Amino acid sequence: MATAGLGQANPAAINLSQDPSWQLFGFQRDGITYLQVNDLLGNVQLIIGNAGGTYWVLPAGNNAARVSLPQQQIQIPAGATRSQIYSASDFSMVRYRSGSDVIWSVETP
C-alpha cells in the first residue's frame, strides 16, 4: 500500500483492481486504510476509508457515488450486474449496475 497520492488521478501506487475496466489504489496512513477507485481516464469515482472494520466514504471525486457499506447497506436492484473490483481476506469491493443505476458496495464475509 502507498503512503501518499490519495485523490490523485494517477497516483504512484500499484493498481490492485481485479477488473480491467477500473483502477483501484490502496493507501495506508496512521492505521487507516484507504481505497481509491478511478476510471481508466484517471477520474476518481470514490474513496473508502477503513479503520478496524468500520468503513466510510470520503467526499472525493466529481460525482456523488452511491456506496453500500457493511454498517449502512443500500438495496441492490434485482437483476443488477455484479463486477468484483477487489477482494481481500476481510472484504470485497464490488460494483453493481442496473441500467444507468450504479451502486458500489463494500462486502464483508
PDB file of N, CA and C in Angstrom:
ATOM      1  N   MET A   1       0.835  -1.177   0.000  1.00  0.00           N
ATOM      2  CA  MET A   1       0.000   0.000   0.000  1.00  0.00           C
ATOM      3  C   MET A   1       0.888   1.251   0.000  1.00  0.00           C
ATOM      4  N   ALA A   2       0.439   2.246  -0.738  1.00  0.00           N
ATOM      5  CA  ALA A   2       1.183   3.503  -0.821  1.00  0.00           C
ATOM      6  C   ALA A   2       0.921   4.349   0.432  1.00  0.00           C
ATOM      7  N   THR A   3       1.784   5.318   0.674  1.00  0.00           N
ATOM      8  CA  THR A   3       1.617   6.202   1.825  1.00  0.00           C
ATOM      9  C   THR A   3       1.302   7.633   1.411  1.00  0.00           C
ATOM     10  N   ALA A   4       1.286   7.913   0.106  1.00  0.00           N
ATOM     11  CA  ALA A   4       0.981   9.250  -0.394  1.00  0.00           C
ATOM     12  C   ALA A   4       0.326   9.134  -1.767  1.00  0.00           C
ATOM     13  N   GLY A   5      -0.393  10.188  -2.170  1.00  0.00           N
ATOM     14  CA  GLY A   5      -1.003  10.226  -3.502  1.00  0.00           C
ATOM     15  C   GLY A   5      -2.500  10.062  -3.517  1.00  0.00           C
ATOM     16  N   LEU A   6      -3.115   9.910  -2.355  1.00  0.00           N
ATOM     17  CA  LEU A   6      -4.568   9.743  -2.290  1.00  0.00           C
ATOM     18  C   LEU A   6      -5.267  10.919  -2.978  1.00  0.00           C
ATOM     19  N   GLY A   7      -6.234  10.612  -3.832  1.00  0.00           N
ATOM     20  CA  GLY A   7      -7.014  11.628  -4.526  1.00  0.00           C
ATOM     21  C   GLY A   7      -6.458  12.023  -5.881  1.00  0.00           C
ATOM     22  N   GLN A   8      -5.270  11.570  -6.217  1.00  0.00           N
ATOM     23  CA  GLN A   8      -4.672  11.918  -7.492  1.00  0.00           C
ATOM     24  C   GLN A   8      -5.213  11.046  -8.612  1.00  0.00           C
ATOM     25  N   ALA A   9      -5.185  11.599  -9.829  1.00  0.00           N
ATOM     26  CA  ALA A   9      -5.664  10.861 -10.999  1.00  0.00           C
ATOM     27  C   ALA A   9      -4.770   9.666 -11.308  1.00  0.00           C
ATOM     28  N   ASN A  10      -3.491   9.835 -11.172  1.00  0.00           N
ATOM     29  CA  ASN A  10      -2.525   8.770 -11.455  1.00  0.00           C
ATOM     30  C   ASN A  10      -1.522   8.683 -10.317  1.00  0.00           C
ATOM     31  N   PRO A  11      -1.948   8.170  -9.161  1.00  0.00           N
ATOM     32  CA  PRO A  11      -1.028   8.120  -8.021  1.00  0.00           C
ATOM     33  C   PRO A  11       0.108   7.134  -8.262  1.00  0.00           C
ATOM     34  N   ALA A  12       1.201   7.365  -7.575  1.00  0.00           N
ATOM     35  CA  ALA A  12       2.353   6.455  -7.638  1.00  0.00           C
ATOM     36  C   ALA A  12       2.065   5.277  -6.715  1.00  0.00           C
ATOM     37  N   ALA A  13       1.124   4.456  -7.133  1.00  0.00           N
ATOM     38  CA  ALA A  13       0.693   3.294  -6.356  1.00  0.00           C
ATOM     39  C   ALA A  13       0.361   2.177  -7.332  1.00  0.00           C
ATOM     40  N   ILE A  14       0.373   0.963  -6.852  1.00  0.00           N
ATOM     41  CA  ILE A  14       0.066  -0.205  -7.684  1.00  0.00           C
ATOM     42  C   ILE A  14      -1.443  -0.311  -7.886  1.00  0.00           C
ATOM     43  N   ASN A  15      -1.845  -0.566  -9.128  1.00  0.00           N
ATOM     44  CA  ASN A  15      -3.260  -0.794  -9.436  1.00  0.00           C
ATOM     45  C   ASN A  15      -3.625  -2.193  -8.941  1.00  0.00           C
ATOM     46  N   LEU A  16      -4.493  -2.260  -7.936  1.00  0.00           N
ATOM     47  CA  LEU A  16      -4.891  -3.525  -7.325  1.00  0.00           C
ATOM     48  C   LEU A  16      -6.184  -4.089  -7.906  1.00  0.00           C
ATOM     49  N   SER A  17      -6.764  -3.402  -8.892  1.00  0.00           N
ATOM     50  CA  SER A  17      -8.059  -3.813  -9.441  1.00  0.00           C
ATOM     51  C   SER A  17      -7.973  -5.188 -10.095  1.00  0.00           C
ATOM     52  N   GLN A  18      -9.004  -5.989  -9.850  1.00  0.00           N
ATOM     53  CA  GLN A  18      -9.125  -7.293 -10.494  1.00  0.00           C
ATOM     54  C   GLN A  18     -10.008  -7.208 -11.737  1.00  0.00           C
ATOM     55  N   ASP A  19     -10.520  -6.009 -12.022  1.00  0.00           N
ATOM     56  CA  ASP A  19     -11.363  -5.762 -13.188  1.00  0.00           C
ATOM     57  C   ASP A  19     -10.616  -4.773 -14.080  1.00  0.00           C
ATOM     58  N   PRO A  20     -10.301  -5.137 -15.321  1.00  0.00           N
ATOM     59  CA  PRO A  20      -9.507  -4.260 -16.184  1.00  0.00           C
ATOM     60  C   PRO A  20     -10.223  -2.958 -16.570  1.00  0.00           C
ATOM     61  N   SER A  21     -11.497  -2.818 -16.241  1.00  0.00           N
ATOM     62  CA  SER A  21     -12.249  -1.605 -16.558  1.00  0.00           C
ATOM     63  C   SER A  21     -12.063  -0.511 -15.516  1.00  0.00           C
ATOM     64  N   TRP A  22     -11.388  -0.841 -14.402  1.00  0.00           N
ATOM     65  CA  TRP A  22     -11.242   0.104 -13.295  1.00  0.00           C
ATOM     66  C   TRP A  22      -9.830   0.059 -12.745  1.00  0.00           C
ATOM     67  N   GLN A  23      -9.469   1.126 -12.035  1.00  0.00           N
ATOM     68  CA  GLN A  23      -8.209   1.172 -11.307  1.00  0.00           C
ATOM     69  C   GLN A  23      -8.555   1.282  -9.826  1.00  0.00           C
ATOM     70  N   LEU A  24      -7.871   0.526  -8.992  1.00  0.00           N
ATOM     71  CA  LEU A  24      -8.077   0.595  -7.550  1.00  0.00           C
ATOM     72  C   LEU A  24      -6.704   0.713  -6.894  1.00  0.00           C
ATOM     73  N   PHE A  25      -6.541   1.751  -6.086  1.00  0.00           N
ATOM     74  CA  PHE A  25      -5.278   2.020  -5.431  1.00  0.00           C
ATOM     75  C   PHE A  25      -5.468   1.965  -3.925  1.00  0.00           C
ATOM     76  N   GLY A  26      -4.524   1.357  -3.234  1.00  0.00           N
ATOM     77  CA  GLY A  26      -4.592   1.245  -1.782  1.00  0.00           C
ATOM     78  C   GLY A  26      -3.568   2.155  -1.122  1.00  0.00           C
ATOM     79  N   PHE A  27      -3.981   2.765  -0.015  1.00  0.00           N
ATOM     80  CA  PHE A  27      -3.123   3.664   0.750  1.00  0.00           C
ATOM     81  C   PHE A  27      -3.271   3.345   2.229  1.00  0.00           C
ATOM     82  N   GLN A  28      -2.211   3.534   2.992  1.00  0.00           N
ATOM     83  CA  GLN A  28      -2.278   3.374   4.440  1.00  0.00           C
ATOM     84  C   GLN A  28      -1.544   4.529   5.091  1.00  0.00           C
ATOM     85  N   ARG A  29      -2.179   5.020   6.163  1.00  0.00           N
ATOM     86  CA  ARG A  29      -1.547   6.096   6.930  1.00  0.00           C
ATOM     87  C   ARG A  29      -2.167   6.133   8.314  1.00  0.00           C
ATOM     88  N   ASP A  30      -1.323   6.191   9.332  1.00  0.00           N
ATOM     89  CA  ASP A  30      -1.773   6.315  10.718  1.00  0.00           C
ATOM     90  C   ASP A  30      -2.808   5.253  11.099  1.00  0.00           C
ATOM     91  N   GLY A  31      -2.616   4.024  10.608  1.00  0.00           N
ATOM     92  CA  GLY A  31      -3.503   2.923  10.957  1.00  0.00           C
ATOM     93  C   GLY A  31      -4.811   2.877  10.184  1.00  0.00           C
ATOM     94  N   ILE A  32      -4.980   3.755   9.215  1.00  0.00           N
ATOM     95  CA  ILE A  32      -6.203   3.795   8.406  1.00  0.00           C
ATOM     96  C   ILE A  32      -5.858   3.368   6.988  1.00  0.00           C
ATOM     97  N   THR A  33      -6.704   2.529   6.415  1.00  0.00           N
ATOM     98  CA  THR A  33      -6.549   2.097   5.030  1.00  0.00           C
ATOM     99  C   THR A  33      -7.555   2.846   4.178  1.00  0.00           C
ATOM    100  N   TYR A  34      -7.112   3.298   3.016  1.00  0.00           N
ATOM    101  CA  TYR A  34      -7.981   3.989   2.059  1.00  0.00           C
ATOM    102  C   TYR A  34      -7.918   3.243   0.737  1.00  0.00           C
ATOM    103  N   LEU A  35      -9.059   3.087   0.096  1.00  0.00           N
ATOM    104  CA  LEU A  35      -9.123   2.507  -1.243  1.00  0.00           C
ATOM    105  C   LEU A  35      -9.736   3.536  -2.176  1.00  0.00           C
ATOM    106  N   GLN A  36      -9.024   3.830  -3.240  1.00  0.00           N
ATOM    107  CA  GLN A  36      -9.472   4.810  -4.225  1.00  0.00           C
ATOM    108  C   GLN A  36      -9.775   4.092  -5.528  1.00  0.00           C
ATOM    109  N   VAL A  37     -10.959   4.318  -6.073  1.00  0.00           N
ATOM    110  CA  VAL A  37     -11.345   3.736  -7.358  1.00  0.00           C
ATOM    111  C   VAL A  37     -11.370   4.851  -8.397  1.00  0.00           C
ATOM    112  N   ASN A  38     -10.610   4.650  -9.481  1.00  0.00           N
ATOM    113  CA  ASN A  38     -10.582   5.579 -10.610  1.00  0.00           C
ATOM    114  C   ASN A  38     -11.106   4.871 -11.845  1.00  0.00           C
ATOM    115  N   ASP A  39     -11.686   5.659 -12.774  1.00  0.00           N
ATOM    116  CA  ASP A  39     -11.982   5.085 -14.077  1.00  0.00           C
ATOM    117  C   ASP A  39     -10.682   5.068 -14.872  1.00  0.00           C
ATOM    118  N   LEU A  40     -10.724   4.566 -16.092  1.00  0.00           N
ATOM    119  CA  LEU A  40      -9.496   4.415 -16.871  1.00  0.00           C
ATOM    120  C   LEU A  40      -8.927   5.745 -17.355  1.00  0.00           C
ATOM    121  N   LEU A  41      -9.705   6.827 -17.251  1.00  0.00           N
ATOM    122  CA  LEU A  41      -9.213   8.156 -17.603  1.00  0.00           C
ATOM    123  C   LEU A  41      -8.554   8.848 -16.406  1.00  0.00           C
ATOM    124  N   GLY A  42      -8.583   8.190 -15.229  1.00  0.00           N
ATOM    125  CA  GLY A  42      -7.986   8.748 -14.035  1.00  0.00           C
ATOM    126  C   GLY A  42      -8.940   9.538 -13.167  1.00  0.00           C
ATOM    127  N   ASN A  43     -10.227   9.575 -13.540  1.00  0.00           N
ATOM    128  CA  ASN A  43     -11.219  10.289 -12.732  1.00  0.00           C
ATOM    129  C   ASN A  43     -11.529   9.501 -11.467  1.00  0.00           C
ATOM    130  N   VAL A  44     -11.404  10.149 -10.313  1.00  0.00           N
ATOM    131  CA  VAL A  44     -11.705   9.499  -9.044  1.00  0.00           C
ATOM    132  C   VAL A  44     -13.209   9.257  -8.962  1.00  0.00           C
ATOM    133  N   GLN A  45     -13.599   8.005  -8.748  1.00  0.00           N
ATOM    134  CA  GLN A  45     -15.009   7.649  -8.614  1.00  0.00           C
ATOM    135  C   GLN A  45     -15.444   7.643  -7.154  1.00  0.00           C
ATOM    136  N   LEU A  46     -14.579   7.117  -6.282  1.00  0.00           N
ATOM    137  CA  LEU A  46     -14.869   7.102  -4.856  1.00  0.00           C
ATOM    138  C   LEU A  46     -13.615   6.746  -4.081  1.00  0.00           C
ATOM    139  N   ILE A  47     -13.613   7.121  -2.805  1.00  0.00           N
ATOM    140  CA  ILE A  47     -12.558   6.740  -1.879  1.00  0.00           C
ATOM    141  C   ILE A  47     -13.237   6.239  -0.616  1.00  0.00           C
ATOM    142  N   ILE A  48     -12.837   5.049  -0.189  1.00  0.00           N
ATOM    143  CA  ILE A  48     -13.370   4.416   1.016  1.00  0.00           C
ATOM    144  C   ILE A  48     -12.272   4.407   2.071  1.00  0.00           C
ATOM    145  N   GLY A  49     -12.623   4.739   3.298  1.00  0.00           N
ATOM    146  CA  GLY A  49     -11.706   4.618   4.420  1.00  0.00           C
ATOM    147  C   GLY A  49     -12.103   3.423   5.266  1.00  0.00           C
ATOM    148  N   ASN A  50     -11.119   2.804   5.925  1.00  0.00           N
ATOM    149  CA  ASN A  50     -11.375   1.646   6.774  1.00  0.00           C
ATOM    150  C   ASN A  50     -10.421   1.683   7.963  1.00  0.00           C
ATOM    151  N   ALA A  51     -11.003   1.647   9.145  1.00  0.00           N
ATOM    152  CA  ALA A  51     -10.215   1.550  10.372  1.00  0.00           C
ATOM    153  C   ALA A  51     -10.904   0.554  11.282  1.00  0.00           C
ATOM    154  N   GLY A  52     -10.234  -0.549  11.545  1.00  0.00           N
ATOM    155  CA  GLY A  52     -10.780  -1.546  12.461  1.00  0.00           C
ATOM    156  C   GLY A  52     -12.109  -2.136  12.044  1.00  0.00           C
ATOM    157  N   GLY A  53     -12.348  -2.259  10.741  1.00  0.00           N
ATOM    158  CA  GLY A  53     -13.597  -2.852  10.263  1.00  0.00           C
ATOM    159  C   GLY A  53     -14.743  -1.868  10.133  1.00  0.00           C
ATOM    160  N   THR A  54     -14.509  -0.597  10.417  1.00  0.00           N
ATOM    161  CA  THR A  54     -15.510   0.440  10.182  1.00  0.00           C
ATOM    162  C   THR A  54     -15.161   1.141   8.880  1.00  0.00           C
ATOM    163  N   TYR A  55     -16.116   1.203   7.965  1.00  0.00           N
ATOM    164  CA  TYR A  55     -15.900   1.771   6.637  1.00  0.00           C
ATOM    165  C   TYR A  55     -16.679   3.068   6.495  1.00  0.00           C
ATOM    166  N   TRP A  56     -16.123   4.009   5.723  1.00  0.00           N
ATOM    167  CA  TRP A  56     -16.823   5.243   5.419  1.00  0.00           C
ATOM    168  C   TRP A  56     -16.379   5.732   4.044  1.00  0.00           C
ATOM    169  N   VAL A  57     -17.194   6.632   3.469  1.00  0.00           N
ATOM    170  CA  VAL A  57     -16.936   7.192   2.149  1.00  0.00           C
ATOM    171  C   VAL A  57     -16.400   8.608   2.327  1.00  0.00           C
ATOM    172  N   LEU A  58     -15.308   8.911   1.652  1.00  0.00           N
ATOM    173  CA  LEU A  58     -14.761  10.261   1.688  1.00  0.00           C
ATOM    174  C   LEU A  58     -15.427  11.109   0.605  1.00  0.00           C
ATOM    175  N   PRO A  59     -15.586  12.408   0.843  1.00  0.00           N
ATOM    176  CA  PRO A  59     -16.193  13.286  -0.169  1.00  0.00           C
ATOM    177  C   PRO A  59     -15.172  13.614  -1.256  1.00  0.00           C
ATOM    178  N   ALA A  60     -14.983  12.685  -2.170  1.00  0.00           N
ATOM    179  CA  ALA A  60     -13.974  12.839  -3.215  1.00  0.00           C
ATOM    180  C   ALA A  60     -14.581  12.494  -4.564  1.00  0.00           C
ATOM    181  N   GLY A  61     -13.954  12.969  -5.612  1.00  0.00           N
ATOM    182  CA  GLY A  61     -14.422  12.672  -6.958  1.00  0.00           C
ATOM    183  C   GLY A  61     -15.426  13.702  -7.437  1.00  0.00           C
ATOM    184  N   ASN A  62     -15.791  13.564  -8.706  1.00  0.00           N
ATOM    185  CA  ASN A  62     -16.681  14.536  -9.337  1.00  0.00           C
ATOM    186  C   ASN A  62     -18.143  14.141  -9.304  1.00  0.00           C
ATOM    187  N   ASN A  63     -18.428  12.944  -8.855  1.00  0.00           N
ATOM    188  CA  ASN A  63     -19.819  12.518  -8.832  1.00  0.00           C
ATOM    189  C   ASN A  63     -20.207  12.082  -7.422  1.00  0.00           C
ATOM    190  N   ALA A  64     -21.458  11.962  -7.212  1.00  0.00           N
ATOM    191  CA  ALA A  64     -21.962  11.516  -5.908  1.00  0.00           C
ATOM    192  C   ALA A  64     -22.208  10.007  -5.991  1.00  0.00           C
ATOM    193  N   ALA A  65     -21.157   9.239  -5.826  1.00  0.00           N
ATOM    194  CA  ALA A  65     -21.262   7.786  -5.927  1.00  0.00           C
ATOM    195  C   ALA A  65     -22.166   7.253  -4.819  1.00  0.00           C
ATOM    196  N   ARG A  66     -23.009   6.317  -5.180  1.00  0.00           N
ATOM    197  CA  ARG A  66     -23.834   5.618  -4.183  1.00  0.00           C
ATOM    198  C   ARG A  66     -23.027   4.420  -3.714  1.00  0.00           C
ATOM    199  N   VAL A  67     -22.838   4.326  -2.387  1.00  0.00           N
ATOM    200  CA  VAL A  67     -21.988   3.285  -1.834  1.00  0.00           C
ATOM    201  C   VAL A  67     -22.714   2.566  -0.713  1.00  0.00           C
ATOM    202  N   SER A  68     -22.758   1.249  -0.815  1.00  0.00           N
ATOM    203  CA  SER A  68     -23.318   0.403   0.228  1.00  0.00           C
ATOM    204  C   SER A  68     -22.176  -0.062   1.117  1.00  0.00           C
ATOM    205  N   LEU A  69     -22.296   0.214   2.413  1.00  0.00           N
ATOM    206  CA  LEU A  69     -21.274  -0.164   3.386  1.00  0.00           C
ATOM    207  C   LEU A  69     -21.832  -1.215   4.324  1.00  0.00           C
ATOM    208  N   PRO A  70     -20.979  -2.025   4.946  1.00  0.00           N
ATOM    209  CA  PRO A  70     -21.491  -3.070   5.840  1.00  0.00           C
ATOM    210  C   PRO A  70     -22.425  -2.535   6.925  1.00  0.00           C
ATOM    211  N   GLN A  71     -22.146  -1.357   7.458  1.00  0.00           N
ATOM    212  CA  GLN A  71     -22.984  -0.808   8.518  1.00  0.00           C
ATOM    213  C   GLN A  71     -24.089   0.108   7.994  1.00  0.00           C
ATOM    214  N   GLN A  72     -24.123   0.358   6.681  1.00  0.00           N
ATOM    215  CA  GLN A  72     -25.149   1.215   6.077  1.00  0.00           C
ATOM    216  C   GLN A  72     -25.389   0.717   4.657  1.00  0.00           C
ATOM    217  N   GLN A  73     -26.196  -0.330   4.553  1.00  0.00           N
ATOM    218  CA  GLN A  73     -26.385  -1.004   3.270  1.00  0.00           C
ATOM    219  C   GLN A  73     -27.468  -0.338   2.437  1.00  0.00           C
ATOM    220  N   ILE A  74     -27.237  -0.366   1.126  1.00  0.00           N
ATOM    221  CA  ILE A  74     -28.193   0.114   0.134  1.00  0.00           C
ATOM    222  C   ILE A  74     -28.762  -1.112  -0.569  1.00  0.00           C
ATOM    223  N   GLN A  75     -30.044  -1.106  -0.816  1.00  0.00           N
ATOM    224  CA  GLN A  75     -30.692  -2.217  -1.528  1.00  0.00           C
ATOM    225  C   GLN A  75     -30.145  -2.298  -2.958  1.00  0.00           C
ATOM    226  N   ILE A  76     -29.641  -3.461  -3.329  1.00  0.00           N
ATOM    227  CA  ILE A  76     -29.129  -3.694  -4.681  1.00  0.00           C
ATOM    228  C   ILE A  76     -30.312  -4.074  -5.566  1.00  0.00           C
ATOM    229  N   PRO A  77     -30.497  -3.406  -6.716  1.00  0.00           N
ATOM    230  CA  PRO A  77     -31.623  -3.728  -7.596  1.00  0.00           C
ATOM    231  C   PRO A  77     -31.579  -5.181  -8.071  1.00  0.00           C
ATOM    232  N   ALA A  78     -32.730  -5.800  -8.138  1.00  0.00           N
ATOM    233  CA  ALA A  78     -32.820  -7.170  -8.647  1.00  0.00           C
ATOM    234  C   ALA A  78     -32.299  -7.203 -10.081  1.00  0.00           C
ATOM    235  N   GLY A  79     -31.529  -8.209 -10.401  1.00  0.00           N
ATOM    236  CA  GLY A  79     -31.001  -8.373 -11.747  1.00  0.00           C
ATOM    237  C   GLY A  79     -29.802  -7.491 -12.067  1.00  0.00           C
ATOM    238  N   ALA A  80     -29.270  -6.770 -11.090  1.00  0.00           N
ATOM    239  CA  ALA A  80     -28.101  -5.923 -11.332  1.00  0.00           C
ATOM    240  C   ALA A  80     -26.890  -6.771 -11.697  1.00  0.00           C
ATOM    241  N   THR A  81     -26.079  -6.262 -12.594  1.00  0.00           N
ATOM    242  CA  THR A  81     -24.846  -6.930 -12.991  1.00  0.00           C
ATOM    243  C   THR A  81     -23.773  -6.658 -11.946  1.00  0.00           C
ATOM    244  N   ARG A  82     -23.110  -7.716 -11.482  1.00  0.00           N
ATOM    245  CA  ARG A  82     -22.107  -7.614 -10.432  1.00  0.00           C
ATOM    246  C   ARG A  82     -20.710  -7.723 -11.026  1.00  0.00           C
ATOM    247  N   SER A  83     -19.825  -6.769 -10.662  1.00  0.00           N
ATOM    248  CA  SER A  83     -18.423  -6.814 -11.072  1.00  0.00           C
ATOM    249  C   SER A  83     -17.563  -6.698  -9.827  1.00  0.00           C
ATOM    250  N   GLN A  84     -16.750  -7.693  -9.578  1.00  0.00           N
ATOM    251  CA  GLN A  84     -15.855  -7.639  -8.425  1.00  0.00           C
ATOM    252  C   GLN A  84     -14.595  -6.883  -8.828  1.00  0.00           C
ATOM    253  N   ILE A  85     -14.325  -5.793  -8.122  1.00  0.00           N
ATOM    254  CA  ILE A  85     -13.189  -4.949  -8.440  1.00  0.00           C
ATOM    255  C   ILE A  85     -11.959  -5.359  -7.630  1.00  0.00           C
ATOM    256  N   TYR A  86     -12.184  -5.759  -6.381  1.00  0.00           N
ATOM    257  CA  TYR A  86     -11.079  -6.089  -5.486  1.00  0.00           C
ATOM    258  C   TYR A  86     -11.575  -7.052  -4.430  1.00  0.00           C
ATOM    259  N   SER A  87     -10.699  -7.960  -4.012  1.00  0.00           N
ATOM    260  CA  SER A  87     -11.050  -8.899  -2.967  1.00  0.00           C
ATOM    261  C   SER A  87      -9.853  -9.107  -2.050  1.00  0.00           C
ATOM    262  N   ALA A  88     -10.100  -9.008  -0.757  1.00  0.00           N
ATOM    263  CA  ALA A  88      -9.092  -9.284   0.271  1.00  0.00           C
ATOM    264  C   ALA A  88      -9.704 -10.292   1.231  1.00  0.00           C
ATOM    265  N   SER A  89      -8.976 -10.686   2.240  1.00  0.00           N
ATOM    266  CA  SER A  89      -9.495 -11.682   3.179  1.00  0.00           C
ATOM    267  C   SER A  89     -10.654 -11.148   4.019  1.00  0.00           C
ATOM    268  N   ASP A  90     -10.691  -9.829   4.238  1.00  0.00           N
ATOM    269  CA  ASP A  90     -11.712  -9.264   5.132  1.00  0.00           C
ATOM    270  C   ASP A  90     -12.833  -8.498   4.429  1.00  0.00           C
ATOM    271  N   PHE A  91     -12.708  -8.216   3.129  1.00  0.00           N
ATOM    272  CA  PHE A  91     -13.775  -7.524   2.410  1.00  0.00           C
ATOM    273  C   PHE A  91     -13.548  -7.592   0.903  1.00  0.00           C
ATOM    274  N   SER A  92     -14.593  -7.249   0.164  1.00  0.00           N
ATOM    275  CA  SER A  92     -14.520  -7.123  -1.296  1.00  0.00           C
ATOM    276  C   SER A  92     -15.118  -5.781  -1.699  1.00  0.00           C
ATOM    277  N   MET A  93     -14.603  -5.212  -2.793  1.00  0.00           N
ATOM    278  CA  MET A  93     -15.175  -4.013  -3.398  1.00  0.00           C
ATOM    279  C   MET A  93     -15.872  -4.466  -4.673  1.00  0.00           C
ATOM    280  N   VAL A  94     -17.175  -4.199  -4.744  1.00  0.00           N
ATOM    281  CA  VAL A  94     -17.995  -4.692  -5.839  1.00  0.00           C
ATOM    282  C   VAL A  94     -18.761  -3.529  -6.462  1.00  0.00           C
ATOM    283  N   ARG A  95     -18.983  -3.595  -7.759  1.00  0.00           N
ATOM    284  CA  ARG A  95     -19.780  -2.595  -8.463  1.00  0.00           C
ATOM    285  C   ARG A  95     -21.001  -3.287  -9.048  1.00  0.00           C
ATOM    286  N   TYR A  96     -22.183  -2.757  -8.749  1.00  0.00           N
ATOM    287  CA  TYR A  96     -23.431  -3.267  -9.298  1.00  0.00           C
ATOM    288  C   TYR A  96     -23.985  -2.242 -10.277  1.00  0.00           C
ATOM    289  N   ARG A  97     -24.492  -2.740 -11.403  1.00  0.00           N
ATOM    290  CA  ARG A  97     -25.083  -1.846 -12.399  1.00  0.00           C
ATOM    291  C   ARG A  97     -26.411  -2.418 -12.862  1.00  0.00           C
ATOM    292  N   SER A  98     -27.408  -1.549 -12.864  1.00  0.00           N
ATOM    293  CA  SER A  98     -28.730  -1.902 -13.376  1.00  0.00           C
ATOM    294  C   SER A  98     -29.197  -0.717 -14.204  1.00  0.00           C
ATOM    295  N   GLY A  99     -29.086  -0.840 -15.542  1.00  0.00           N
ATOM    296  CA  GLY A  99     -29.387   0.297 -16.413  1.00  0.00           C
ATOM    297  C   GLY A  99     -28.368   1.394 -16.142  1.00  0.00           C
ATOM    298  N   SER A 100     -28.850   2.596 -15.834  1.00  0.00           N
ATOM    299  CA  SER A 100     -27.937   3.705 -15.527  1.00  0.00           C
ATOM    300  C   SER A 100     -27.656   3.811 -14.027  1.00  0.00           C
ATOM    301  N   ASP A 101     -28.271   2.946 -13.229  1.00  0.00           N
ATOM    302  CA  ASP A 101     -28.091   2.960 -11.774  1.00  0.00           C
ATOM    303  C   ASP A 101     -26.846   2.162 -11.401  1.00  0.00           C
ATOM    304  N   VAL A 102     -25.923   2.806 -10.669  1.00  0.00           N
ATOM    305  CA  VAL A 102     -24.683   2.162 -10.233  1.00  0.00           C
ATOM    306  C   VAL A 102     -24.575   2.270  -8.724  1.00  0.00           C
ATOM    307  N   ILE A 103     -24.266   1.158  -8.095  1.00  0.00           N
ATOM    308  CA  ILE A 103     -24.016   1.126  -6.656  1.00  0.00           C
ATOM    309  C   ILE A 103     -22.685   0.412  -6.435  1.00  0.00           C
ATOM    310  N   TRP A 104     -21.801   1.079  -5.709  1.00  0.00           N
ATOM    311  CA  TRP A 104     -20.552   0.463  -5.275  1.00  0.00           C
ATOM    312  C   TRP A 104     -20.843  -0.169  -3.916  1.00  0.00           C
ATOM    313  N   SER A 105     -20.217  -1.281  -3.625  1.00  0.00           N
ATOM    314  CA  SER A 105     -20.511  -1.984  -2.393  1.00  0.00           C
ATOM    315  C   SER A 105     -19.241  -2.546  -1.761  1.00  0.00           C
ATOM    316  N   VAL A 106     -19.097  -2.275  -0.454  1.00  0.00           N
ATOM    317  CA  VAL A 106     -18.055  -2.919   0.348  1.00  0.00           C
ATOM    318  C   VAL A 106     -18.747  -4.087   1.036  1.00  0.00           C
ATOM    319  N   GLU A 107     -18.287  -5.298   0.726  1.00  0.00           N
ATOM    320  CA  GLU A 107     -18.934  -6.503   1.239  1.00  0.00           C
ATOM    321  C   GLU A 107     -17.959  -7.277   2.101  1.00  0.00           C
ATOM    322  N   THR A 108     -18.437  -7.636   3.299  1.00  0.00           N
ATOM    323  CA  THR A 108     -17.625  -8.415   4.232  1.00  0.00           C
ATOM    324  C   THR A 108     -18.184  -9.821   4.323  1.00  0.00           C
ATOM    325  N   PRO A 109     -17.307 -10.791   4.663  1.00  0.00           N
ATOM    326  CA  PRO A 109     -17.776 -12.180   4.742  1.00  0.00           C
ATOM    327  C   PRO A 109     -18.759 -12.401   5.885  1.00  0.00           C
TER     328      PRO A 109
END
